[in-house]
Amino acid sequence: IAVYPDELTRATDWFSRHCAKAVLLGR
């Protein structure tokens, strides 16, 4: 899956802080 566990943790931590903006811009 080309990803490390610590990368997942950092990514989800960042997403939790910016979820609305991330979803809107990500689309």
PDB file of all heavy atoms in Angstrom:
ATOM      1  N   ILE A   1       0.836  -1.201   0.000  1.00  0.00           N
ATOM      2  CA  ILE A   1       0.000   0.000   0.000  1.00  0.00           C
ATOM      3  C   ILE A   1       0.870   1.250   0.000  1.00  0.00           C
ATOM      4  O   ILE A   1       0.363   2.370   0.009  1.00  0.00           O
ATOM      5  CB  ILE A   1      -0.984   0.031   1.198  1.00  0.00           C
ATOM      6  CG1 ILE A   1      -0.237   0.053   2.537  1.00  0.00           C
ATOM      7  CG2 ILE A   1      -1.943  -1.124   1.137  1.00  0.00           C
ATOM      8  CD1 ILE A   1      -1.160   0.214   3.726  1.00  0.00           C
ATOM      9  N   ALA A   2       2.203   1.043  -0.042  1.00  0.00           N
ATOM     10  CA  ALA A   2       3.189   2.115  -0.218  1.00  0.00           C
ATOM     11  C   ALA A   2       3.063   3.208   0.837  1.00  0.00           C
ATOM     12  O   ALA A   2       3.142   4.396   0.547  1.00  0.00           O
ATOM     13  CB  ALA A   2       3.073   2.718  -1.624  1.00  0.00           C
ATOM     14  N   VAL A   3       2.867   2.788   2.081  1.00  0.00           N
ATOM     15  CA  VAL A   3       2.756   3.762   3.161  1.00  0.00           C
ATOM     16  C   VAL A   3       3.207   3.121   4.464  1.00  0.00           C
ATOM     17  O   VAL A   3       3.064   1.910   4.661  1.00  0.00           O
ATOM     18  CB  VAL A   3       1.296   4.273   3.283  1.00  0.00           C
ATOM     19  CG1 VAL A   3       0.374   3.180   3.785  1.00  0.00           C
ATOM     20  CG2 VAL A   3       1.222   5.501   4.179  1.00  0.00           C
ATOM     21  N   TYR A   4       3.796   3.923   5.352  1.00  0.00           N
ATOM     22  CA  TYR A   4       4.244   3.453   6.653  1.00  0.00           C
ATOM     23  C   TYR A   4       3.189   3.779   7.714  1.00  0.00           C
ATOM     24  O   TYR A   4       2.433   4.752   7.573  1.00  0.00           O
ATOM     25  CB  TYR A   4       5.559   4.138   7.047  1.00  0.00           C
ATOM     26  CG  TYR A   4       6.675   3.921   6.073  1.00  0.00           C
ATOM     27  CD1 TYR A   4       7.185   4.983   5.335  1.00  0.00           C
ATOM     28  CD2 TYR A   4       7.217   2.652   5.890  1.00  0.00           C
ATOM     29  CE1 TYR A   4       8.220   4.790   4.440  1.00  0.00           C
ATOM     30  CE2 TYR A   4       8.260   2.456   5.004  1.00  0.00           C
ATOM     31  CZ  TYR A   4       8.757   3.521   4.273  1.00  0.00           C
ATOM     32  OH  TYR A   4       9.781   3.323   3.390  1.00  0.00           O
ATOM     33  N   PRO A   5       3.143   3.005   8.793  1.00  0.00           N
ATOM     34  CA  PRO A   5       2.180   3.298   9.862  1.00  0.00           C
ATOM     35  C   PRO A   5       2.304   4.722  10.406  1.00  0.00           C
ATOM     36  O   PRO A   5       1.289   5.367  10.678  1.00  0.00           O
ATOM     37  CB  PRO A   5       2.528   2.254  10.938  1.00  0.00           C
ATOM     38  CG  PRO A   5       3.115   1.118  10.177  1.00  0.00           C
ATOM     39  CD  PRO A   5       3.887   1.756   9.051  1.00  0.00           C
ATOM     40  N   ASP A   6       3.547   5.233  10.585  1.00  0.00           N
ATOM     41  CA  ASP A   6       3.697   6.578  11.129  1.00  0.00           C
ATOM     42  C   ASP A   6       3.204   7.636  10.150  1.00  0.00           C
ATOM     43  O   ASP A   6       2.718   8.707  10.556  1.00  0.00           O
ATOM     44  CB  ASP A   6       5.154   6.854  11.521  1.00  0.00           C
ATOM     45  CG  ASP A   6       6.125   6.646  10.374  1.00  0.00           C
ATOM     46  OD1 ASP A   6       5.759   5.979   9.389  1.00  0.00           O
ATOM     47  OD2 ASP A   6       7.266   7.147  10.466  1.00  0.00           O
ATOM     48  N   GLU A   7       3.272   7.345   8.835  1.00  0.00           N
ATOM     49  CA  GLU A   7       2.717   8.272   7.852  1.00  0.00           C
ATOM     50  C   GLU A   7       1.203   8.332   7.975  1.00  0.00           C
ATOM     51  O   GLU A   7       0.597   9.409   7.842  1.00  0.00           O
ATOM     52  CB  GLU A   7       3.114   7.836   6.441  1.00  0.00           C
ATOM     53  CG  GLU A   7       4.585   8.023   6.123  1.00  0.00           C
ATOM     54  CD  GLU A   7       4.947   7.523   4.749  1.00  0.00           C
ATOM     55  OE1 GLU A   7       4.361   6.507   4.309  1.00  0.00           O
ATOM     56  OE2 GLU A   7       5.816   8.137   4.109  1.00  0.00           O
ATOM     57  N   LEU A   8       0.590   7.187   8.216  1.00  0.00           N
ATOM     58  CA  LEU A   8      -0.862   7.161   8.409  1.00  0.00           C
ATOM     59  C   LEU A   8      -1.275   7.979   9.622  1.00  0.00           C
ATOM     60  O   LEU A   8      -2.247   8.729   9.582  1.00  0.00           O
ATOM     61  CB  LEU A   8      -1.340   5.715   8.583  1.00  0.00           C
ATOM     62  CG  LEU A   8      -1.396   4.847   7.334  1.00  0.00           C
ATOM     63  CD1 LEU A   8      -1.722   3.408   7.718  1.00  0.00           C
ATOM     64  CD2 LEU A   8      -2.430   5.374   6.357  1.00  0.00           C
ATOM     65  N   THR A   9      -0.519   7.822  10.702  1.00  0.00           N
ATOM     66  CA  THR A   9      -0.839   8.559  11.935  1.00  0.00           C
ATOM     67  C   THR A   9      -0.743  10.057  11.708  1.00  0.00           C
ATOM     68  O   THR A   9      -1.629  10.817  12.103  1.00  0.00           O
ATOM     69  CB  THR A   9       0.109   8.136  13.066  1.00  0.00           C
ATOM     70  OG1 THR A   9      -0.018   6.724  13.277  1.00  0.00           O
ATOM     71  CG2 THR A   9      -0.246   8.868  14.361  1.00  0.00           C
ATOM     72  N   ARG A  10       0.336  10.497  11.063  1.00  0.00           N
ATOM     73  CA  ARG A  10       0.497  11.932  10.797  1.00  0.00           C
ATOM     74  C   ARG A  10      -0.605  12.454   9.885  1.00  0.00           C
ATOM     75  O   ARG A  10      -1.144  13.550  10.090  1.00  0.00           O
ATOM     76  CB  ARG A  10       1.868  12.197  10.166  1.00  0.00           C
ATOM     77  CG  ARG A  10       3.037  12.030  11.110  1.00  0.00           C
ATOM     78  CD  ARG A  10       4.288  12.715  10.577  1.00  0.00           C
ATOM     79  NE  ARG A  10       4.659  12.199   9.261  1.00  0.00           N
ATOM     80  CZ  ARG A  10       5.459  11.165   9.063  1.00  0.00           C
ATOM     81  NH1 ARG A  10       5.963  10.514  10.114  1.00  0.00           N
ATOM     82  NH2 ARG A  10       5.769  10.771   7.847  1.00  0.00           N
ATOM     83  N   ALA A  11      -0.934  11.660   8.870  1.00  0.00           N
ATOM     84  CA  ALA A  11      -1.959  12.089   7.921  1.00  0.00           C
ATOM     85  C   ALA A  11      -3.325  12.220   8.585  1.00  0.00           C
ATOM     86  O   ALA A  11      -4.056  13.192   8.359  1.00  0.00           O
ATOM     87  CB  ALA A  11      -2.035  11.098   6.754  1.00  0.00           C
ATOM     88  N   THR A  12      -3.676  11.243   9.418  1.00  0.00           N
ATOM     89  CA  THR A  12      -4.982  11.301  10.078  1.00  0.00           C
ATOM     90  C   THR A  12      -5.026  12.407  11.140  1.00  0.00           C
ATOM     91  O   THR A  12      -6.073  13.038  11.335  1.00  0.00           O
ATOM     92  CB  THR A  12      -5.342   9.955  10.728  1.00  0.00           C
ATOM     93  OG1 THR A  12      -4.256   9.517  11.554  1.00  0.00           O
ATOM     94  CG2 THR A  12      -5.619   8.903   9.667  1.00  0.00           C
ATOM     95  N   ASP A  13      -3.902  12.662  11.808  1.00  0.00           N
ATOM     96  CA  ASP A  13      -3.854  13.769  12.758  1.00  0.00           C
ATOM     97  C   ASP A  13      -4.083  15.093  12.042  1.00  0.00           C
ATOM     98  O   ASP A  13      -4.825  15.957  12.522  1.00  0.00           O
ATOM     99  CB  ASP A  13      -2.504  13.797  13.484  1.00  0.00           C
ATOM    100  CG  ASP A  13      -2.376  12.694  14.517  1.00  0.00           C
ATOM    101  OD1 ASP A  13      -3.413  12.086  14.862  1.00  0.00           O
ATOM    102  OD2 ASP A  13      -1.259  12.430  14.978  1.00  0.00           O
ATOM    103  N   TRP A  14      -3.425  15.255  10.893  1.00  0.00           N
ATOM    104  CA  TRP A  14      -3.601  16.487  10.116  1.00  0.00           C
ATOM    105  C   TRP A  14      -5.045  16.603   9.635  1.00  0.00           C
ATOM    106  O   TRP A  14      -5.644  17.673   9.709  1.00  0.00           O
ATOM    107  CB  TRP A  14      -2.659  16.469   8.908  1.00  0.00           C
ATOM    108  CG  TRP A  14      -2.815  17.687   8.042  1.00  0.00           C
ATOM    109  CD1 TRP A  14      -2.176  18.878   8.169  1.00  0.00           C
ATOM    110  CD2 TRP A  14      -3.720  17.830   6.928  1.00  0.00           C
ATOM    111  NE1 TRP A  14      -2.607  19.748   7.203  1.00  0.00           N
ATOM    112  CE2 TRP A  14      -3.551  19.140   6.417  1.00  0.00           C
ATOM    113  CE3 TRP A  14      -4.633  16.981   6.309  1.00  0.00           C
ATOM    114  CZ2 TRP A  14      -4.264  19.608   5.322  1.00  0.00           C
ATOM    115  CZ3 TRP A  14      -5.353  17.453   5.226  1.00  0.00           C
ATOM    116  CH2 TRP A  14      -5.164  18.746   4.737  1.00  0.00           C
ATOM    117  N   PHE A  15      -5.611  15.484   9.167  1.00  0.00           N
ATOM    118  CA  PHE A  15      -6.973  15.525   8.652  1.00  0.00           C
ATOM    119  C   PHE A  15      -7.961  15.884   9.752  1.00  0.00           C
ATOM    120  O   PHE A  15      -8.913  16.632   9.515  1.00  0.00           O
ATOM    121  CB  PHE A  15      -7.347  14.177   8.038  1.00  0.00           C
ATOM    122  CG  PHE A  15      -8.682  14.211   7.336  1.00  0.00           C
ATOM    123  CD1 PHE A  15      -8.768  14.548   6.006  1.00  0.00           C
ATOM    124  CD2 PHE A  15      -9.853  13.926   8.022  1.00  0.00           C
ATOM    125  CE1 PHE A  15      -9.989  14.602   5.358  1.00  0.00           C
ATOM    126  CE2 PHE A  15     -11.077  13.976   7.395  1.00  0.00           C
ATOM    127  CZ  PHE A  15     -11.148  14.310   6.050  1.00  0.00           C
ATOM    128  N   SER A  16      -7.740  15.370  10.950  1.00  0.00           N
ATOM    129  CA  SER A  16      -8.649  15.665  12.064  1.00  0.00           C
ATOM    130  C   SER A  16      -8.694  17.160  12.365  1.00  0.00           C
ATOM    131  O   SER A  16      -9.731  17.680  12.783  1.00  0.00           O
ATOM    132  CB  SER A  16      -8.204  14.896  13.312  1.00  0.00           C
ATOM    133  OG  SER A  16      -8.326  13.505  13.121  1.00  0.00           O
ATOM    134  N   ARG A  17      -7.589  17.855  12.141  1.00  0.00           N
ATOM    135  CA  ARG A  17      -7.540  19.299  12.401  1.00  0.00           C
ATOM    136  C   ARG A  17      -8.151  20.122  11.266  1.00  0.00           C
ATOM    137  O   ARG A  17      -8.618  21.233  11.490  1.00  0.00           O
ATOM    138  CB  ARG A  17      -6.091  19.744  12.624  1.00  0.00           C
ATOM    139  CG  ARG A  17      -5.441  19.162  13.868  1.00  0.00           C
ATOM    140  CD  ARG A  17      -4.143  19.883  14.194  1.00  0.00           C
ATOM    141  NE  ARG A  17      -3.185  19.805  13.104  1.00  0.00           N
ATOM    142  CZ  ARG A  17      -2.295  18.821  12.959  1.00  0.00           C
ATOM    143  NH1 ARG A  17      -2.261  17.832  13.831  1.00  0.00           N
ATOM    144  NH2 ARG A  17      -1.442  18.827  11.948  1.00  0.00           N
ATOM    145  N   HIS A  18      -8.118  19.579  10.056  1.00  0.00           N
ATOM    146  CA  HIS A  18      -8.546  20.368   8.889  1.00  0.00           C
ATOM    147  C   HIS A  18      -9.590  19.629   8.054  1.00  0.00           C
ATOM    148  O   HIS A  18      -9.651  19.826   6.839  1.00  0.00           O
ATOM    149  CB  HIS A  18      -7.334  20.675   8.001  1.00  0.00           C
ATOM    150  CG  HIS A  18      -6.185  21.305   8.708  1.00  0.00           C
ATOM    151  ND1 HIS A  18      -6.168  22.640   9.083  1.00  0.00           N
ATOM    152  CD2 HIS A  18      -5.009  20.784   9.135  1.00  0.00           C
ATOM    153  CE1 HIS A  18      -5.040  22.920   9.683  1.00  0.00           C
ATOM    154  NE2 HIS A  18      -4.311  21.820   9.742  1.00  0.00           N
ATOM    155  N   CYS A  19     -10.418  18.811   8.675  1.00  0.00           N
ATOM    156  CA  CYS A  19     -11.281  17.899   7.918  1.00  0.00           C
ATOM    157  C   CYS A  19     -12.192  18.611   6.921  1.00  0.00           C
ATOM    158  O   CYS A  19     -12.270  18.203   5.752  1.00  0.00           O
ATOM    159  CB  CYS A  19     -12.083  17.013   8.858  1.00  0.00           C
ATOM    160  SG  CYS A  19     -13.056  17.883  10.086  1.00  0.00           S
ATOM    161  N   ALA A  20     -12.884  19.673   7.337  1.00  0.00           N
ATOM    162  CA  ALA A  20     -13.822  20.335   6.431  1.00  0.00           C
ATOM    163  C   ALA A  20     -13.092  20.936   5.236  1.00  0.00           C
ATOM    164  O   ALA A  20     -13.496  20.748   4.074  1.00  0.00           O
ATOM    165  CB  ALA A  20     -14.591  21.421   7.193  1.00  0.00           C
ATOM    166  N   LYS A  21     -12.007  21.667   5.514  1.00  0.00           N
ATOM    167  CA  LYS A  21     -11.228  22.274   4.440  1.00  0.00           C
ATOM    168  C   LYS A  21     -10.627  21.205   3.538  1.00  0.00           C
ATOM    169  O   LYS A  21     -10.597  21.359   2.312  1.00  0.00           O
ATOM    170  CB  LYS A  21     -10.106  23.132   5.037  1.00  0.00           C
ATOM    171  CG  LYS A  21      -9.307  23.925   4.009  1.00  0.00           C
ATOM    172  CD  LYS A  21      -8.060  24.532   4.639  1.00  0.00           C
ATOM    173  CE  LYS A  21      -8.413  25.437   5.797  1.00  0.00           C
ATOM    174  NZ  LYS A  21      -7.189  26.059   6.399  1.00  0.00           N
ATOM    175  N   ALA A  22     -10.140  20.117   4.138  1.00  0.00           N
ATOM    176  CA  ALA A  22      -9.507  19.049   3.360  1.00  0.00           C
ATOM    177  C   ALA A  22     -10.506  18.403   2.403  1.00  0.00           C
ATOM    178  O   ALA A  22     -10.183  18.130   1.236  1.00  0.00           O
ATOM    179  CB  ALA A  22      -8.914  17.994   4.294  1.00  0.00           C
ATOM    180  N   VAL A  23     -11.716  18.140   2.870  1.00  0.00           N
ATOM    181  CA  VAL A  23     -12.730  17.515   2.019  1.00  0.00           C
ATOM    182  C   VAL A  23     -13.133  18.468   0.894  1.00  0.00           C
ATOM    183  O   VAL A  23     -13.204  18.072  -0.281  1.00  0.00           O
ATOM    184  CB  VAL A  23     -13.962  17.100   2.840  1.00  0.00           C
ATOM    185  CG1 VAL A  23     -15.122  16.703   1.924  1.00  0.00           C
ATOM    186  CG2 VAL A  23     -13.609  15.937   3.762  1.00  0.00           C
ATOM    187  N   LEU A  24     -13.391  19.728   1.232  1.00  0.00           N
ATOM    188  CA  LEU A  24     -13.825  20.698   0.224  1.00  0.00           C
ATOM    189  C   LEU A  24     -12.777  20.875  -0.862  1.00  0.00           C
ATOM    190  O   LEU A  24     -13.074  20.776  -2.059  1.00  0.00           O
ATOM    191  CB  LEU A  24     -14.121  22.037   0.891  1.00  0.00           C
ATOM    192  CG  LEU A  24     -14.528  23.181  -0.049  1.00  0.00           C
ATOM    193  CD1 LEU A  24     -15.778  22.817  -0.841  1.00  0.00           C
ATOM    194  CD2 LEU A  24     -14.744  24.464   0.739  1.00  0.00           C
ATOM    195  N   LEU A  25     -11.534  21.139  -0.459  1.00  0.00           N
ATOM    196  CA  LEU A  25     -10.473  21.358  -1.438  1.00  0.00           C
ATOM    197  C   LEU A  25     -10.063  20.064  -2.124  1.00  0.00           C
ATOM    198  O   LEU A  25      -9.731  20.058  -3.310  1.00  0.00           O
ATOM    199  CB  LEU A  25      -9.256  22.004  -0.761  1.00  0.00           C
ATOM    200  CG  LEU A  25      -9.497  23.386  -0.164  1.00  0.00           C
ATOM    201  CD1 LEU A  25      -8.224  23.925   0.489  1.00  0.00           C
ATOM    202  CD2 LEU A  25      -9.983  24.365  -1.242  1.00  0.00           C
ATOM    203  N   GLY A  26     -10.099  18.950  -1.377  1.00  0.00           N
ATOM    204  CA  GLY A  26      -9.731  17.664  -1.955  1.00  0.00           C
ATOM    205  C   GLY A  26     -10.640  17.258  -3.095  1.00  0.00           C
ATOM    206  O   GLY A  26     -10.197  16.623  -4.058  1.00  0.00           O
ATOM    207  N   ARG A  27     -11.912  17.636  -3.030  1.00  0.00           N
ATOM    208  CA  ARG A  27     -12.852  17.288  -4.095  1.00  0.00           C
ATOM    209  C   ARG A  27     -12.560  18.050  -5.391  1.00  0.00           C
ATOM    210  O   ARG A  27     -13.147  17.756  -6.434  1.00  0.00           O
ATOM    211  CB  ARG A  27     -14.285  17.578  -3.652  1.00  0.00           C
ATOM    212  CG  ARG A  27     -14.774  16.737  -2.494  1.00  0.00           C
ATOM    213  CD  ARG A  27     -14.771  15.262  -2.788  1.00  0.00           C
ATOM    214  NE  ARG A  27     -15.725  14.908  -3.839  1.00  0.00           N
ATOM    215  CZ  ARG A  27     -15.795  13.706  -4.386  1.00  0.00           C
ATOM    216  NH1 ARG A  27     -14.967  12.755  -4.034  1.00  0.00           N
ATOM    217  NH2 ARG A  27     -16.688  13.453  -5.333  1.00  0.00           N
TER     218      ARG A  27
END
